[in-house]
Amino acid sequence: MAKSDTIKTGLHPRNKHRGRYDFDQLIHANAALAPFVKLNEYGDASIDFSNAQAVKALNLALLKHFYAIATWDIPKQYLCPPIPGRADYLHYLADLLSSTNAGVMPQGEFVRGLDIGVGANTIYPLIGSHEYGWYFVGADIDANALKNAQHIVDANMLSNMIELRLQTSPNSIFKGVIKQGETFDFTMCNPPFHASLADAQAGTQRKWRGLGKSKKGTQSTALNFGGQTTELYCEGGEEAFVTGMVNESKQFATQCLWFSTLISKAANLPSVYRALRNVNALEVKTIAMAQGQKQSRIVAWTFLNVKQQRAWYS
């Protein structure tokens, strides 16, 4: 990070990671981070973000220091998430909920969120339960990922705030997860980005080149610096996954205030908007997000009219 880049203005104003990392504080939180911290070309303390172990050590330090998470780890080859960007999604969801609650940000465990594809890392529920006191259900199709996620939940004594559910149907997203009569204030999702293994590997190569790394060597074959197939790609990629989510959300129209998903590729927006028109979503919002040079956005939709939205919390 350049010395002049002291504030990450692209991050949400409530994001705790807008400033430069204070590595003294972070090493105090997690001593295992210390061996990975070096001076970069600008003379600033940093880590090699292409080193999976370094990123994991940084993540644990951030979770300990900012979110009171004492224990966190993920198995090899599972997605290691960038925490600042994950926190941003939650802060923008809080703004979205406040917009339908007379400007008051709803907090506490009566606010229920559903994380589709919670993964082995459980990042969204961990941050959201700490920042806003929200209750989370995390769903995933990967039983091994959920096993690790449950270990994190139990180790941090968060079973009263985070519940995990296995999605047993490979062709379903909400069906089999949302129970009859159950309601959620929001759903969230970081969908599979790529359409195939080849696409995922090509994306990894671009990341390595962006970090100034050689194509050669075993590191260049690591998918997204970690990540299982269900985390990184599915048939049809992000466009197909989100379109299926939109279509299925109609079946749960009255059980959720806001459905939402990240959209990484701007080129997928027209087809997503078309799908939302086809299911007669009453309101659609697109929220821009930025982390460094990476541009993304949240697309949120609801089937409730203004009167129903205002009555939701009462």
C-alpha atoms as a PDB file:
ATOM      1  CA  MET A   1       0.000   0.000   0.000  1.00  0.00           C
ATOM      2  CA  ALA A   2       1.393   3.395  -0.930  1.00  0.00           C
ATOM      3  CA  LYS A   3       2.064   5.771   1.941  1.00  0.00           C
ATOM      4  CA  SER A   4      -0.403   8.288   0.470  1.00  0.00           C
ATOM      5  CA  ASP A   5      -3.171   5.695   0.550  1.00  0.00           C
ATOM      6  CA  THR A   6      -3.968   6.062   4.238  1.00  0.00           C
ATOM      7  CA  ILE A   7      -7.772   5.949   3.998  1.00  0.00           C
ATOM      8  CA  LYS A   8      -9.631   3.438   1.827  1.00  0.00           C
ATOM      9  CA  THR A   9     -12.406   5.819   0.818  1.00  0.00           C
ATOM     10  CA  GLY A  10     -14.130   3.158  -1.265  1.00  0.00           C
ATOM     11  CA  LEU A  11     -15.116   1.239   1.858  1.00  0.00           C
ATOM     12  CA  HIS A  12     -18.304   1.952   3.799  1.00  0.00           C
ATOM     13  CA  PRO A  13     -17.965   4.775   6.377  1.00  0.00           C
ATOM     14  CA  ARG A  14     -18.655   2.336   9.248  1.00  0.00           C
ATOM     15  CA  ASN A  15     -16.104  -0.186   8.002  1.00  0.00           C
ATOM     16  CA  LYS A  16     -13.377  -0.637  10.616  1.00  0.00           C
ATOM     17  CA  HIS A  17     -10.772  -1.315   7.944  1.00  0.00           C
ATOM     18  CA  ARG A  18     -10.696   2.026   6.139  1.00  0.00           C
ATOM     19  CA  GLY A  19      -7.290   2.916   7.568  1.00  0.00           C
ATOM     20  CA  ARG A  20      -3.976   1.197   7.074  1.00  0.00           C
ATOM     21  CA  TYR A  21      -3.480  -1.994   9.037  1.00  0.00           C
ATOM     22  CA  ASP A  22      -1.785  -1.344  12.371  1.00  0.00           C
ATOM     23  CA  PHE A  23       0.453  -4.393  12.372  1.00  0.00           C
ATOM     24  CA  ASP A  24       1.682  -3.769  15.909  1.00  0.00           C
ATOM     25  CA  GLN A  25      -1.889  -4.086  17.158  1.00  0.00           C
ATOM     26  CA  LEU A  26      -2.615  -7.031  14.910  1.00  0.00           C
ATOM     27  CA  ILE A  27       0.499  -8.939  15.971  1.00  0.00           C
ATOM     28  CA  HIS A  28      -0.514  -8.303  19.575  1.00  0.00           C
ATOM     29  CA  ALA A  29      -3.860  -9.923  18.739  1.00  0.00           C
ATOM     30  CA  ASN A  30      -2.263 -12.845  16.877  1.00  0.00           C
ATOM     31  CA  ALA A  31       1.462 -13.421  17.411  1.00  0.00           C
ATOM     32  CA  ALA A  32       1.486 -15.949  14.547  1.00  0.00           C
ATOM     33  CA  LEU A  33       1.182 -13.010  12.145  1.00  0.00           C
ATOM     34  CA  ALA A  34       4.621 -11.589  13.082  1.00  0.00           C
ATOM     35  CA  PRO A  35       6.833 -13.779  10.828  1.00  0.00           C
ATOM     36  CA  PHE A  36       4.828 -12.712   7.760  1.00  0.00           C
ATOM     37  CA  VAL A  37       5.094  -8.939   8.272  1.00  0.00           C
ATOM     38  CA  LYS A  38       7.821  -7.259   6.201  1.00  0.00           C
ATOM     39  CA  LEU A  39       8.534  -3.787   4.856  1.00  0.00           C
ATOM     40  CA  ASN A  40       7.215  -3.353   1.325  1.00  0.00           C
ATOM     41  CA  GLU A  41       8.683  -1.223  -1.469  1.00  0.00           C
ATOM     42  CA  TYR A  42       7.177   1.913   0.100  1.00  0.00           C
ATOM     43  CA  GLY A  43       8.787   1.221   3.454  1.00  0.00           C
ATOM     44  CA  ASP A  44       5.465   0.252   5.042  1.00  0.00           C
ATOM     45  CA  ALA A  45       4.756  -2.874   7.043  1.00  0.00           C
ATOM     46  CA  SER A  46       2.740  -5.369   4.996  1.00  0.00           C
ATOM     47  CA  ILE A  47       2.403  -9.051   4.141  1.00  0.00           C
ATOM     48  CA  ASP A  48       2.664 -11.079   0.955  1.00  0.00           C
ATOM     49  CA  PHE A  49      -1.005 -11.403   0.014  1.00  0.00           C
ATOM     50  CA  SER A  50      -0.185 -14.298  -2.311  1.00  0.00           C
ATOM     51  CA  ASN A  51       0.873 -16.354   0.732  1.00  0.00           C
ATOM     52  CA  ALA A  52      -2.175 -18.242   1.979  1.00  0.00           C
ATOM     53  CA  GLN A  53      -0.715 -18.759   5.455  1.00  0.00           C
ATOM     54  CA  ALA A  54       0.026 -15.048   5.775  1.00  0.00           C
ATOM     55  CA  VAL A  55      -3.524 -14.121   4.770  1.00  0.00           C
ATOM     56  CA  LYS A  56      -4.990 -16.623   7.240  1.00  0.00           C
ATOM     57  CA  ALA A  57      -2.828 -15.195  10.029  1.00  0.00           C
ATOM     58  CA  LEU A  58      -3.942 -11.670   9.096  1.00  0.00           C
ATOM     59  CA  ASN A  59      -7.596 -12.714   9.051  1.00  0.00           C
ATOM     60  CA  LEU A  60      -7.381 -14.252  12.506  1.00  0.00           C
ATOM     61  CA  ALA A  61      -5.686 -11.110  13.812  1.00  0.00           C
ATOM     62  CA  LEU A  62      -8.437  -8.920  12.328  1.00  0.00           C
ATOM     63  CA  LEU A  63     -11.180 -11.150  13.705  1.00  0.00           C
ATOM     64  CA  LYS A  64      -9.613 -11.183  17.159  1.00  0.00           C
ATOM     65  CA  HIS A  65      -8.881  -7.462  17.332  1.00  0.00           C
ATOM     66  CA  PHE A  66     -12.044  -6.057  15.768  1.00  0.00           C
ATOM     67  CA  TYR A  67     -14.724  -8.726  16.205  1.00  0.00           C
ATOM     68  CA  ALA A  68     -13.860 -10.616  19.421  1.00  0.00           C
ATOM     69  CA  ILE A  69     -13.407 -13.916  17.551  1.00  0.00           C
ATOM     70  CA  ALA A  70     -10.837 -15.911  19.526  1.00  0.00           C
ATOM     71  CA  THR A  71     -10.693 -19.024  17.321  1.00  0.00           C
ATOM     72  CA  TRP A  72     -10.810 -19.149  13.543  1.00  0.00           C
ATOM     73  CA  ASP A  73      -9.251 -21.371  10.908  1.00  0.00           C
ATOM     74  CA  ILE A  74     -10.151 -22.988   7.607  1.00  0.00           C
ATOM     75  CA  PRO A  75      -8.889 -26.210   6.003  1.00  0.00           C
ATOM     76  CA  LYS A  76      -6.507 -26.057   3.068  1.00  0.00           C
ATOM     77  CA  GLN A  77      -8.083 -25.282  -0.307  1.00  0.00           C
ATOM     78  CA  TYR A  78     -11.074 -23.474   1.174  1.00  0.00           C
ATOM     79  CA  LEU A  79     -11.744 -19.858   0.318  1.00  0.00           C
ATOM     80  CA  CYS A  80      -9.873 -17.366   2.513  1.00  0.00           C
ATOM     81  CA  PRO A  81     -12.040 -14.237   2.370  1.00  0.00           C
ATOM     82  CA  PRO A  82     -10.867 -10.607   2.389  1.00  0.00           C
ATOM     83  CA  ILE A  83     -12.448  -9.324   5.584  1.00  0.00           C
ATOM     84  CA  PRO A  84     -12.789  -5.600   4.701  1.00  0.00           C
ATOM     85  CA  GLY A  85     -14.927  -6.373   1.656  1.00  0.00           C
ATOM     86  CA  ARG A  86     -17.049  -8.890   3.552  1.00  0.00           C
ATOM     87  CA  ALA A  87     -17.700  -6.321   6.275  1.00  0.00           C
ATOM     88  CA  ASP A  88     -18.779  -3.797   3.633  1.00  0.00           C
ATOM     89  CA  TYR A  89     -21.612  -6.032   2.412  1.00  0.00           C
ATOM     90  CA  LEU A  90     -23.017  -6.214   5.950  1.00  0.00           C
ATOM     91  CA  HIS A  91     -22.815  -2.466   6.534  1.00  0.00           C
ATOM     92  CA  TYR A  92     -24.677  -1.773   3.306  1.00  0.00           C
ATOM     93  CA  LEU A  93     -27.328  -4.314   4.293  1.00  0.00           C
ATOM     94  CA  ALA A  94     -27.745  -2.446   7.590  1.00  0.00           C
ATOM     95  CA  ASP A  95     -28.342   0.745   5.603  1.00  0.00           C
ATOM     96  CA  LEU A  96     -30.853  -1.084   3.418  1.00  0.00           C
ATOM     97  CA  LEU A  97     -32.799  -2.321   6.439  1.00  0.00           C
ATOM     98  CA  SER A  98     -32.818   1.145   7.995  1.00  0.00           C
ATOM     99  CA  SER A  99     -34.268   2.582   4.782  1.00  0.00           C
ATOM    100  CA  THR A 100     -37.428   0.550   5.375  1.00  0.00           C
ATOM    101  CA  ASN A 101     -37.459   1.192   9.122  1.00  0.00           C
ATOM    102  CA  ALA A 102     -37.904   4.978   9.249  1.00  0.00           C
ATOM    103  CA  GLY A 103     -34.146   5.476   9.117  1.00  0.00           C
ATOM    104  CA  VAL A 104     -33.572   3.453  12.295  1.00  0.00           C
ATOM    105  CA  MET A 105     -30.950   0.736  11.915  1.00  0.00           C
ATOM    106  CA  PRO A 106     -32.477  -2.474  13.291  1.00  0.00           C
ATOM    107  CA  GLN A 107     -30.113  -4.250  15.644  1.00  0.00           C
ATOM    108  CA  GLY A 108     -30.350  -7.249  17.933  1.00  0.00           C
ATOM    109  CA  GLU A 109     -31.032 -10.940  17.527  1.00  0.00           C
ATOM    110  CA  PHE A 110     -34.626 -10.385  16.432  1.00  0.00           C
ATOM    111  CA  VAL A 111     -33.105  -9.355  13.077  1.00  0.00           C
ATOM    112  CA  ARG A 112     -32.589 -12.582  11.134  1.00  0.00           C
ATOM    113  CA  GLY A 113     -30.277 -13.013   8.165  1.00  0.00           C
ATOM    114  CA  LEU A 114     -29.739 -15.958   5.833  1.00  0.00           C
ATOM    115  CA  ASP A 115     -26.262 -16.436   4.366  1.00  0.00           C
ATOM    116  CA  ILE A 116     -26.425 -18.581   1.230  1.00  0.00           C
ATOM    117  CA  GLY A 117     -23.077 -20.339   0.817  1.00  0.00           C
ATOM    118  CA  VAL A 118     -21.749 -19.621   4.296  1.00  0.00           C
ATOM    119  CA  GLY A 119     -18.672 -21.708   3.574  1.00  0.00           C
ATOM    120  CA  ALA A 120     -16.043 -23.053   5.922  1.00  0.00           C
ATOM    121  CA  ASN A 121     -15.023 -19.529   6.971  1.00  0.00           C
ATOM    122  CA  THR A 122     -18.397 -18.284   8.352  1.00  0.00           C
ATOM    123  CA  ILE A 123     -17.224 -14.696   7.847  1.00  0.00           C
ATOM    124  CA  TYR A 124     -20.549 -12.945   7.285  1.00  0.00           C
ATOM    125  CA  PRO A 125     -22.284 -14.356  10.398  1.00  0.00           C
ATOM    126  CA  LEU A 126     -19.198 -13.749  12.558  1.00  0.00           C
ATOM    127  CA  ILE A 127     -18.959 -10.089  11.584  1.00  0.00           C
ATOM    128  CA  GLY A 128     -22.695  -9.419  11.421  1.00  0.00           C
ATOM    129  CA  SER A 129     -23.463 -10.925  14.818  1.00  0.00           C
ATOM    130  CA  HIS A 130     -20.722  -8.807  16.417  1.00  0.00           C
ATOM    131  CA  GLU A 131     -21.395  -5.523  14.609  1.00  0.00           C
ATOM    132  CA  TYR A 132     -25.191  -5.533  14.770  1.00  0.00           C
ATOM    133  CA  GLY A 133     -26.179  -8.381  17.080  1.00  0.00           C
ATOM    134  CA  TRP A 134     -28.058 -10.077  14.234  1.00  0.00           C
ATOM    135  CA  TYR A 135     -29.035 -13.755  14.274  1.00  0.00           C
ATOM    136  CA  PHE A 136     -27.810 -15.738  11.276  1.00  0.00           C
ATOM    137  CA  VAL A 137     -28.696 -18.946   9.521  1.00  0.00           C
ATOM    138  CA  GLY A 138     -25.825 -20.078   7.305  1.00  0.00           C
ATOM    139  CA  ALA A 139     -26.559 -22.596   4.547  1.00  0.00           C
ATOM    140  CA  ASP A 140     -24.157 -24.547   2.371  1.00  0.00           C
ATOM    141  CA  ILE A 141     -24.158 -27.576   0.094  1.00  0.00           C
ATOM    142  CA  ASP A 142     -20.723 -28.691   1.365  1.00  0.00           C
ATOM    143  CA  ALA A 143     -20.995 -30.827   4.521  1.00  0.00           C
ATOM    144  CA  ASN A 144     -17.253 -30.566   5.209  1.00  0.00           C
ATOM    145  CA  ALA A 145     -17.396 -26.784   5.034  1.00  0.00           C
ATOM    146  CA  LEU A 146     -20.277 -26.775   7.507  1.00  0.00           C
ATOM    147  CA  LYS A 147     -18.348 -29.071   9.834  1.00  0.00           C
ATOM    148  CA  ASN A 148     -15.528 -26.533  10.010  1.00  0.00           C
ATOM    149  CA  ALA A 149     -17.987 -23.667  10.309  1.00  0.00           C
ATOM    150  CA  GLN A 150     -19.695 -25.411  13.238  1.00  0.00           C
ATOM    151  CA  HIS A 151     -16.334 -25.786  14.953  1.00  0.00           C
ATOM    152  CA  ILE A 152     -15.777 -22.018  14.645  1.00  0.00           C
ATOM    153  CA  VAL A 153     -19.265 -21.285  15.984  1.00  0.00           C
ATOM    154  CA  ASP A 154     -18.861 -23.647  18.940  1.00  0.00           C
ATOM    155  CA  ALA A 155     -15.322 -22.526  19.778  1.00  0.00           C
ATOM    156  CA  ASN A 156     -16.486 -18.915  20.003  1.00  0.00           C
ATOM    157  CA  MET A 157     -19.681 -19.804  21.897  1.00  0.00           C
ATOM    158  CA  LEU A 158     -21.919 -18.316  19.216  1.00  0.00           C
ATOM    159  CA  SER A 159     -24.425 -21.142  18.804  1.00  0.00           C
ATOM    160  CA  ASN A 160     -27.115 -18.825  20.184  1.00  0.00           C
ATOM    161  CA  MET A 161     -26.432 -16.408  17.316  1.00  0.00           C
ATOM    162  CA  ILE A 162     -25.457 -18.600  14.366  1.00  0.00           C
ATOM    163  CA  GLU A 163     -27.270 -21.690  13.085  1.00  0.00           C
ATOM    164  CA  LEU A 164     -25.932 -23.799  10.220  1.00  0.00           C
ATOM    165  CA  ARG A 165     -28.024 -25.818   7.766  1.00  0.00           C
ATOM    166  CA  LEU A 166     -27.024 -28.264   5.041  1.00  0.00           C
ATOM    167  CA  GLN A 167     -28.571 -27.752   1.617  1.00  0.00           C
ATOM    168  CA  THR A 168     -29.100 -31.323   0.428  1.00  0.00           C
ATOM    169  CA  SER A 169     -30.429 -30.478  -3.039  1.00  0.00           C
ATOM    170  CA  PRO A 170     -27.807 -29.388  -5.607  1.00  0.00           C
ATOM    171  CA  ASN A 171     -30.510 -27.693  -7.676  1.00  0.00           C
ATOM    172  CA  SER A 172     -32.053 -25.628  -4.873  1.00  0.00           C
ATOM    173  CA  ILE A 173     -31.026 -22.456  -3.090  1.00  0.00           C
ATOM    174  CA  PHE A 174     -33.792 -21.500  -0.658  1.00  0.00           C
ATOM    175  CA  LYS A 175     -35.914 -24.638  -0.866  1.00  0.00           C
ATOM    176  CA  GLY A 176     -35.006 -27.050   1.915  1.00  0.00           C
ATOM    177  CA  VAL A 177     -33.327 -24.260   3.878  1.00  0.00           C
ATOM    178  CA  ILE A 178     -36.104 -21.768   4.634  1.00  0.00           C
ATOM    179  CA  LYS A 179     -38.668 -23.522   6.805  1.00  0.00           C
ATOM    180  CA  GLN A 180     -42.425 -23.151   6.545  1.00  0.00           C
ATOM    181  CA  GLY A 181     -43.576 -20.022   8.362  1.00  0.00           C
ATOM    182  CA  GLU A 182     -40.002 -18.826   8.950  1.00  0.00           C
ATOM    183  CA  THR A 183     -39.094 -15.225   8.120  1.00  0.00           C
ATOM    184  CA  PHE A 184     -35.839 -13.419   7.378  1.00  0.00           C
ATOM    185  CA  ASP A 185     -35.091  -9.726   7.268  1.00  0.00           C
ATOM    186  CA  PHE A 186     -32.519 -10.334   4.562  1.00  0.00           C
ATOM    187  CA  THR A 187     -30.709 -12.976   2.582  1.00  0.00           C
ATOM    188  CA  MET A 188     -27.169 -12.523   1.322  1.00  0.00           C
ATOM    189  CA  CYS A 189     -24.904 -14.421  -1.025  1.00  0.00           C
ATOM    190  CA  ASN A 190     -21.449 -14.301  -2.577  1.00  0.00           C
ATOM    191  CA  PRO A 191     -22.239 -16.513  -5.573  1.00  0.00           C
ATOM    192  CA  PRO A 192     -19.822 -18.726  -7.509  1.00  0.00           C
ATOM    193  CA  PHE A 193     -18.001 -16.403  -9.867  1.00  0.00           C
ATOM    194  CA  HIS A 194     -16.819 -18.666 -12.679  1.00  0.00           C
ATOM    195  CA  ALA A 195     -18.614 -20.916 -15.164  1.00  0.00           C
ATOM    196  CA  SER A 196     -16.007 -23.691 -15.210  1.00  0.00           C
ATOM    197  CA  LEU A 197     -12.749 -24.963 -13.733  1.00  0.00           C
ATOM    198  CA  ALA A 198     -10.870 -23.509 -16.703  1.00  0.00           C
ATOM    199  CA  ASP A 199     -12.385 -20.070 -16.070  1.00  0.00           C
ATOM    200  CA  ALA A 200     -11.429 -20.286 -12.394  1.00  0.00           C
ATOM    201  CA  GLN A 201      -7.847 -21.226 -13.237  1.00  0.00           C
ATOM    202  CA  ALA A 202      -7.595 -18.376 -15.755  1.00  0.00           C
ATOM    203  CA  GLY A 203      -8.863 -15.973 -13.091  1.00  0.00           C
ATOM    204  CA  THR A 204      -6.207 -17.232 -10.709  1.00  0.00           C
ATOM    205  CA  GLN A 205      -3.499 -16.648 -13.294  1.00  0.00           C
ATOM    206  CA  ARG A 206      -4.656 -13.042 -13.692  1.00  0.00           C
ATOM    207  CA  LYS A 207      -4.439 -12.547  -9.923  1.00  0.00           C
ATOM    208  CA  TRP A 208      -0.921 -13.944  -9.811  1.00  0.00           C
ATOM    209  CA  ARG A 209       0.157 -11.614 -12.609  1.00  0.00           C
ATOM    210  CA  GLY A 210      -1.448  -8.703 -10.769  1.00  0.00           C
ATOM    211  CA  LEU A 211       0.669  -9.541  -7.738  1.00  0.00           C
ATOM    212  CA  GLY A 212       3.792  -9.701  -9.871  1.00  0.00           C
ATOM    213  CA  LYS A 213       4.119 -13.470  -9.494  1.00  0.00           C
ATOM    214  CA  SER A 214       5.391 -15.864 -12.116  1.00  0.00           C
ATOM    215  CA  LYS A 215       2.981 -18.200 -13.867  1.00  0.00           C
ATOM    216  CA  LYS A 216       5.361 -21.028 -13.107  1.00  0.00           C
ATOM    217  CA  GLY A 217       5.359 -23.041  -9.923  1.00  0.00           C
ATOM    218  CA  THR A 218       2.771 -24.768  -7.812  1.00  0.00           C
ATOM    219  CA  GLN A 219       1.283 -21.525  -6.489  1.00  0.00           C
ATOM    220  CA  SER A 220      -0.074 -20.574  -9.911  1.00  0.00           C
ATOM    221  CA  THR A 221      -2.376 -23.601  -9.958  1.00  0.00           C
ATOM    222  CA  ALA A 222      -4.050 -22.797  -6.645  1.00  0.00           C
ATOM    223  CA  LEU A 223      -7.623 -21.781  -7.300  1.00  0.00           C
ATOM    224  CA  ASN A 224      -8.314 -18.243  -6.094  1.00  0.00           C
ATOM    225  CA  PHE A 225      -5.663 -18.711  -3.375  1.00  0.00           C
ATOM    226  CA  GLY A 226      -7.927 -21.396  -1.950  1.00  0.00           C
ATOM    227  CA  GLY A 227     -11.475 -22.337  -2.758  1.00  0.00           C
ATOM    228  CA  GLN A 228     -13.504 -25.453  -3.393  1.00  0.00           C
ATOM    229  CA  THR A 229     -15.347 -25.994  -6.654  1.00  0.00           C
ATOM    230  CA  THR A 230     -18.743 -25.062  -5.170  1.00  0.00           C
ATOM    231  CA  GLU A 231     -17.254 -21.805  -3.881  1.00  0.00           C
ATOM    232  CA  LEU A 232     -15.693 -20.729  -7.161  1.00  0.00           C
ATOM    233  CA  TYR A 233     -17.668 -22.015 -10.114  1.00  0.00           C
ATOM    234  CA  CYS A 234     -20.923 -23.600 -11.242  1.00  0.00           C
ATOM    235  CA  GLU A 235     -22.479 -24.361 -14.599  1.00  0.00           C
ATOM    236  CA  GLY A 236     -23.369 -21.045 -16.184  1.00  0.00           C
ATOM    237  CA  GLY A 237     -21.337 -19.079 -13.645  1.00  0.00           C
ATOM    238  CA  GLU A 238     -22.547 -16.122 -11.646  1.00  0.00           C
ATOM    239  CA  GLU A 239     -25.276 -15.215 -14.147  1.00  0.00           C
ATOM    240  CA  ALA A 240     -26.948 -18.635 -14.044  1.00  0.00           C
ATOM    241  CA  PHE A 241     -26.622 -18.983 -10.262  1.00  0.00           C
ATOM    242  CA  VAL A 242     -28.152 -15.579  -9.518  1.00  0.00           C
ATOM    243  CA  THR A 243     -30.906 -16.029 -12.106  1.00  0.00           C
ATOM    244  CA  GLY A 244     -31.866 -19.294 -10.399  1.00  0.00           C
ATOM    245  CA  MET A 245     -31.810 -17.544  -7.031  1.00  0.00           C
ATOM    246  CA  VAL A 246     -34.086 -14.778  -8.304  1.00  0.00           C
ATOM    247  CA  ASN A 247     -36.553 -17.270  -9.760  1.00  0.00           C
ATOM    248  CA  GLU A 248     -36.669 -19.314  -6.565  1.00  0.00           C
ATOM    249  CA  SER A 249     -37.007 -16.251  -4.326  1.00  0.00           C
ATOM    250  CA  LYS A 250     -40.515 -15.679  -5.701  1.00  0.00           C
ATOM    251  CA  GLN A 251     -41.658 -18.805  -3.842  1.00  0.00           C
ATOM    252  CA  PHE A 252     -40.638 -17.145  -0.552  1.00  0.00           C
ATOM    253  CA  ALA A 253     -41.859 -13.663  -1.416  1.00  0.00           C
ATOM    254  CA  THR A 254     -43.641 -13.040   1.908  1.00  0.00           C
ATOM    255  CA  GLN A 255     -41.024 -14.719   4.087  1.00  0.00           C
ATOM    256  CA  CYS A 256     -38.223 -12.266   3.460  1.00  0.00           C
ATOM    257  CA  LEU A 257     -38.026  -8.482   3.514  1.00  0.00           C
ATOM    258  CA  TRP A 258     -34.964  -8.131   1.268  1.00  0.00           C
ATOM    259  CA  PHE A 259     -33.217 -10.716  -0.881  1.00  0.00           C
ATOM    260  CA  SER A 260     -29.702  -9.774  -1.956  1.00  0.00           C
ATOM    261  CA  THR A 261     -26.588 -10.994  -3.708  1.00  0.00           C
ATOM    262  CA  LEU A 262     -23.199  -9.743  -4.764  1.00  0.00           C
ATOM    263  CA  ILE A 263     -22.685  -9.290  -8.496  1.00  0.00           C
ATOM    264  CA  SER A 264     -19.018  -9.218  -9.465  1.00  0.00           C
ATOM    265  CA  LYS A 265     -19.429  -8.917 -13.225  1.00  0.00           C
ATOM    266  CA  ALA A 266     -21.242  -5.789 -14.420  1.00  0.00           C
ATOM    267  CA  ALA A 267     -21.986  -7.607 -17.678  1.00  0.00           C
ATOM    268  CA  ASN A 268     -24.342  -9.918 -15.747  1.00  0.00           C
ATOM    269  CA  LEU A 269     -26.568  -7.089 -14.522  1.00  0.00           C
ATOM    270  CA  PRO A 270     -28.925  -6.906 -17.551  1.00  0.00           C
ATOM    271  CA  SER A 271     -29.868 -10.589 -17.287  1.00  0.00           C
ATOM    272  CA  VAL A 272     -30.326 -10.281 -13.510  1.00  0.00           C
ATOM    273  CA  TYR A 273     -32.596  -7.255 -13.940  1.00  0.00           C
ATOM    274  CA  ARG A 274     -34.542  -9.136 -16.634  1.00  0.00           C
ATOM    275  CA  ALA A 275     -35.051 -12.084 -14.275  1.00  0.00           C
ATOM    276  CA  LEU A 276     -36.268  -9.708 -11.554  1.00  0.00           C
ATOM    277  CA  ARG A 277     -38.798  -8.174 -13.937  1.00  0.00           C
ATOM    278  CA  ASN A 278     -40.004 -11.644 -14.890  1.00  0.00           C
ATOM    279  CA  VAL A 279     -40.756 -12.542 -11.255  1.00  0.00           C
ATOM    280  CA  ASN A 280     -42.406  -9.146 -10.646  1.00  0.00           C
ATOM    281  CA  ALA A 281     -40.064  -7.912  -7.933  1.00  0.00           C
ATOM    282  CA  LEU A 282     -41.655  -4.705  -6.643  1.00  0.00           C
ATOM    283  CA  GLU A 283     -38.442  -2.874  -5.801  1.00  0.00           C
ATOM    284  CA  VAL A 284     -34.856  -3.440  -6.894  1.00  0.00           C
ATOM    285  CA  LYS A 285     -31.808  -1.620  -5.555  1.00  0.00           C
ATOM    286  CA  THR A 286     -28.231  -1.739  -6.819  1.00  0.00           C
ATOM    287  CA  ILE A 287     -25.578  -0.670  -4.317  1.00  0.00           C
ATOM    288  CA  ALA A 288     -22.072   0.067  -5.612  1.00  0.00           C
ATOM    289  CA  MET A 289     -19.102  -1.289  -3.666  1.00  0.00           C
ATOM    290  CA  ALA A 290     -15.371  -0.801  -4.123  1.00  0.00           C
ATOM    291  CA  GLN A 291     -12.308  -2.311  -2.494  1.00  0.00           C
ATOM    292  CA  GLY A 292      -9.102  -0.979  -3.985  1.00  0.00           C
ATOM    293  CA  GLN A 293      -9.320  -1.457  -7.740  1.00  0.00           C
ATOM    294  CA  LYS A 294     -12.002  -4.118  -7.455  1.00  0.00           C
ATOM    295  CA  GLN A 295     -15.495  -2.916  -8.341  1.00  0.00           C
ATOM    296  CA  SER A 296     -18.538  -4.881  -7.271  1.00  0.00           C
ATOM    297  CA  ARG A 297     -22.144  -4.269  -6.343  1.00  0.00           C
ATOM    298  CA  ILE A 298     -25.028  -5.613  -4.309  1.00  0.00           C
ATOM    299  CA  VAL A 299     -28.343  -6.229  -6.027  1.00  0.00           C
ATOM    300  CA  ALA A 300     -31.267  -6.347  -3.569  1.00  0.00           C
ATOM    301  CA  TRP A 301     -34.923  -6.949  -4.268  1.00  0.00           C
ATOM    302  CA  THR A 302     -38.207  -7.289  -2.446  1.00  0.00           C
ATOM    303  CA  PHE A 303     -41.708  -8.497  -3.251  1.00  0.00           C
ATOM    304  CA  LEU A 304     -43.257  -6.367  -0.514  1.00  0.00           C
ATOM    305  CA  ASN A 305     -44.884  -3.029  -1.265  1.00  0.00           C
ATOM    306  CA  VAL A 306     -44.044   0.129   0.667  1.00  0.00           C
ATOM    307  CA  LYS A 307     -46.831  -0.392   3.198  1.00  0.00           C
ATOM    308  CA  GLN A 308     -45.747  -3.993   3.849  1.00  0.00           C
ATOM    309  CA  GLN A 309     -42.107  -2.916   4.184  1.00  0.00           C
ATOM    310  CA  ARG A 310     -42.966  -0.280   6.776  1.00  0.00           C
ATOM    311  CA  ALA A 311     -45.105  -2.755   8.718  1.00  0.00           C
ATOM    312  CA  TRP A 312     -42.421  -5.455   8.719  1.00  0.00           C
ATOM    313  CA  TYR A 313     -40.811  -4.545  12.058  1.00  0.00           C
ATOM    314  CA  SER A 314     -44.082  -3.765  13.794  1.00  0.00           C
END
